[in-house]
Amino acid sequence: MALVLWMGDVNLEQTAMETSMAGIGMPGTQELLVILLIVALLFGTSRIPALGRSLGEGLGHLRRGLKELTDDQPKDHEHHS
């Protein structure tokens, strides 16, 4: 059974459903717990720190690569006459 809240002419259940269907928003606490449980079941709790470390290193490499790409591109607004 769904709980429907009305505030004026706004149906909050419909608004929340439209937002989630559009792919907008962050996962809630329950979703994060389910994801963490699935990761623990798949990889085991002893491998989670290593996975986190590897993910962090990968993101660091990605950020450095993106920064290098943006630093290498000429600045159009400085040389524009």
C-alpha atoms as a PDB file:
ATOM      1  CA  MET A   1       0.000   0.000   0.000  1.00  0.00           C
ATOM      2  CA  ALA A   2       1.436   3.351  -1.006  1.00  0.00           C
ATOM      3  CA  LEU A   3       1.270   6.405   1.184  1.00  0.00           C
ATOM      4  CA  VAL A   4       0.061   9.420  -0.743  1.00  0.00           C
ATOM      5  CA  LEU A   5       0.696  12.875   0.707  1.00  0.00           C
ATOM      6  CA  TRP A   6      -1.041  15.913  -0.651  1.00  0.00           C
ATOM      7  CA  MET A   7       0.303  19.443  -0.223  1.00  0.00           C
ATOM      8  CA  GLY A   8      -1.894  21.813  -2.134  1.00  0.00           C
ATOM      9  CA  ASP A   9      -2.003  20.532  -5.684  1.00  0.00           C
ATOM     10  CA  VAL A  10       1.281  18.602  -5.446  1.00  0.00           C
ATOM     11  CA  ASN A  11       1.119  14.808  -5.207  1.00  0.00           C
ATOM     12  CA  LEU A  12       4.431  13.954  -3.472  1.00  0.00           C
ATOM     13  CA  GLU A  13       4.249  10.267  -4.367  1.00  0.00           C
ATOM     14  CA  GLN A  14       3.958  11.082  -8.055  1.00  0.00           C
ATOM     15  CA  THR A  15       6.761  13.658  -7.856  1.00  0.00           C
ATOM     16  CA  ALA A  16       9.108  11.188  -6.131  1.00  0.00           C
ATOM     17  CA  MET A  17       8.259   8.499  -8.691  1.00  0.00           C
ATOM     18  CA  GLU A  18       8.910  10.845 -11.605  1.00  0.00           C
ATOM     19  CA  THR A  19      12.255  11.867 -10.098  1.00  0.00           C
ATOM     20  CA  SER A  20      13.426   8.298  -9.588  1.00  0.00           C
ATOM     21  CA  MET A  21      12.246   7.231 -13.032  1.00  0.00           C
ATOM     22  CA  ALA A  22      14.223  10.080 -14.585  1.00  0.00           C
ATOM     23  CA  GLY A  23      17.390   8.773 -12.918  1.00  0.00           C
ATOM     24  CA  ILE A  24      17.871  11.889 -10.821  1.00  0.00           C
ATOM     25  CA  GLY A  25      19.013  11.715  -7.229  1.00  0.00           C
ATOM     26  CA  MET A  26      21.330   9.785  -4.973  1.00  0.00           C
ATOM     27  CA  PRO A  27      20.584   6.356  -3.537  1.00  0.00           C
ATOM     28  CA  GLY A  28      19.138   6.411  -0.041  1.00  0.00           C
ATOM     29  CA  THR A  29      20.427   4.698   3.074  1.00  0.00           C
ATOM     30  CA  GLN A  30      18.562   1.452   2.419  1.00  0.00           C
ATOM     31  CA  GLU A  31      19.844   1.240  -1.146  1.00  0.00           C
ATOM     32  CA  LEU A  32      23.429   1.850  -0.009  1.00  0.00           C
ATOM     33  CA  LEU A  33      23.123  -0.880   2.629  1.00  0.00           C
ATOM     34  CA  VAL A  34      21.829  -3.348   0.037  1.00  0.00           C
ATOM     35  CA  ILE A  35      24.695  -2.462  -2.319  1.00  0.00           C
ATOM     36  CA  LEU A  36      27.235  -2.885   0.499  1.00  0.00           C
ATOM     37  CA  LEU A  37      25.730  -6.264   1.426  1.00  0.00           C
ATOM     38  CA  ILE A  38      25.928  -7.459  -2.180  1.00  0.00           C
ATOM     39  CA  VAL A  39      29.568  -6.305  -2.459  1.00  0.00           C
ATOM     40  CA  ALA A  40      30.402  -8.101   0.811  1.00  0.00           C
ATOM     41  CA  LEU A  41      28.754 -11.293  -0.419  1.00  0.00           C
ATOM     42  CA  LEU A  42      30.486 -11.177  -3.796  1.00  0.00           C
ATOM     43  CA  PHE A  43      34.008 -10.254  -2.706  1.00  0.00           C
ATOM     44  CA  GLY A  44      34.177 -11.146   0.974  1.00  0.00           C
ATOM     45  CA  THR A  45      34.759  -8.692   3.776  1.00  0.00           C
ATOM     46  CA  SER A  46      38.536  -9.154   3.737  1.00  0.00           C
ATOM     47  CA  ARG A  47      38.834  -7.866   0.149  1.00  0.00           C
ATOM     48  CA  ILE A  48      36.665  -4.749   0.560  1.00  0.00           C
ATOM     49  CA  PRO A  49      39.530  -2.481   1.795  1.00  0.00           C
ATOM     50  CA  ALA A  50      41.695  -3.512  -1.162  1.00  0.00           C
ATOM     51  CA  LEU A  51      38.816  -2.856  -3.566  1.00  0.00           C
ATOM     52  CA  GLY A  52      38.273   0.588  -2.033  1.00  0.00           C
ATOM     53  CA  ARG A  53      41.966   1.394  -2.281  1.00  0.00           C
ATOM     54  CA  SER A  54      42.078   0.299  -5.930  1.00  0.00           C
ATOM     55  CA  LEU A  55      38.971   2.329  -6.727  1.00  0.00           C
ATOM     56  CA  GLY A  56      40.489   5.401  -5.065  1.00  0.00           C
ATOM     57  CA  GLU A  57      43.735   5.032  -7.004  1.00  0.00           C
ATOM     58  CA  GLY A  58      41.809   4.629 -10.246  1.00  0.00           C
ATOM     59  CA  LEU A  59      39.787   7.766  -9.586  1.00  0.00           C
ATOM     60  CA  GLY A  60      43.009   9.638  -8.795  1.00  0.00           C
ATOM     61  CA  HIS A  61      44.532   8.574 -12.114  1.00  0.00           C
ATOM     62  CA  LEU A  62      41.344   9.599 -13.927  1.00  0.00           C
ATOM     63  CA  ARG A  63      41.321  13.048 -12.294  1.00  0.00           C
ATOM     64  CA  ARG A  64      45.003  13.617 -13.107  1.00  0.00           C
ATOM     65  CA  GLY A  65      44.420  12.565 -16.710  1.00  0.00           C
ATOM     66  CA  LEU A  66      41.455  14.899 -17.075  1.00  0.00           C
ATOM     67  CA  LYS A  67      43.438  17.746 -15.536  1.00  0.00           C
ATOM     68  CA  GLU A  68      46.294  17.140 -17.977  1.00  0.00           C
ATOM     69  CA  LEU A  69      43.844  17.219 -20.887  1.00  0.00           C
ATOM     70  CA  THR A  70      42.315  20.508 -19.770  1.00  0.00           C
ATOM     71  CA  ASP A  71      45.753  22.037 -19.052  1.00  0.00           C
ATOM     72  CA  ASP A  72      47.029  21.085 -22.535  1.00  0.00           C
ATOM     73  CA  GLN A  73      44.150  22.780 -24.374  1.00  0.00           C
ATOM     74  CA  PRO A  74      44.759  26.383 -25.486  1.00  0.00           C
ATOM     75  CA  LYS A  75      42.769  29.084 -23.786  1.00  0.00           C
ATOM     76  CA  ASP A  76      40.656  30.728 -26.498  1.00  0.00           C
ATOM     77  CA  HIS A  77      39.644  33.716 -24.401  1.00  0.00           C
ATOM     78  CA  GLU A  78      43.263  34.801 -23.755  1.00  0.00           C
ATOM     79  CA  HIS A  79      44.346  34.959 -27.429  1.00  0.00           C
ATOM     80  CA  HIS A  80      41.037  36.104 -28.914  1.00  0.00           C
ATOM     81  CA  SER A  81      41.413  39.412 -30.836  1.00  0.00           C
END
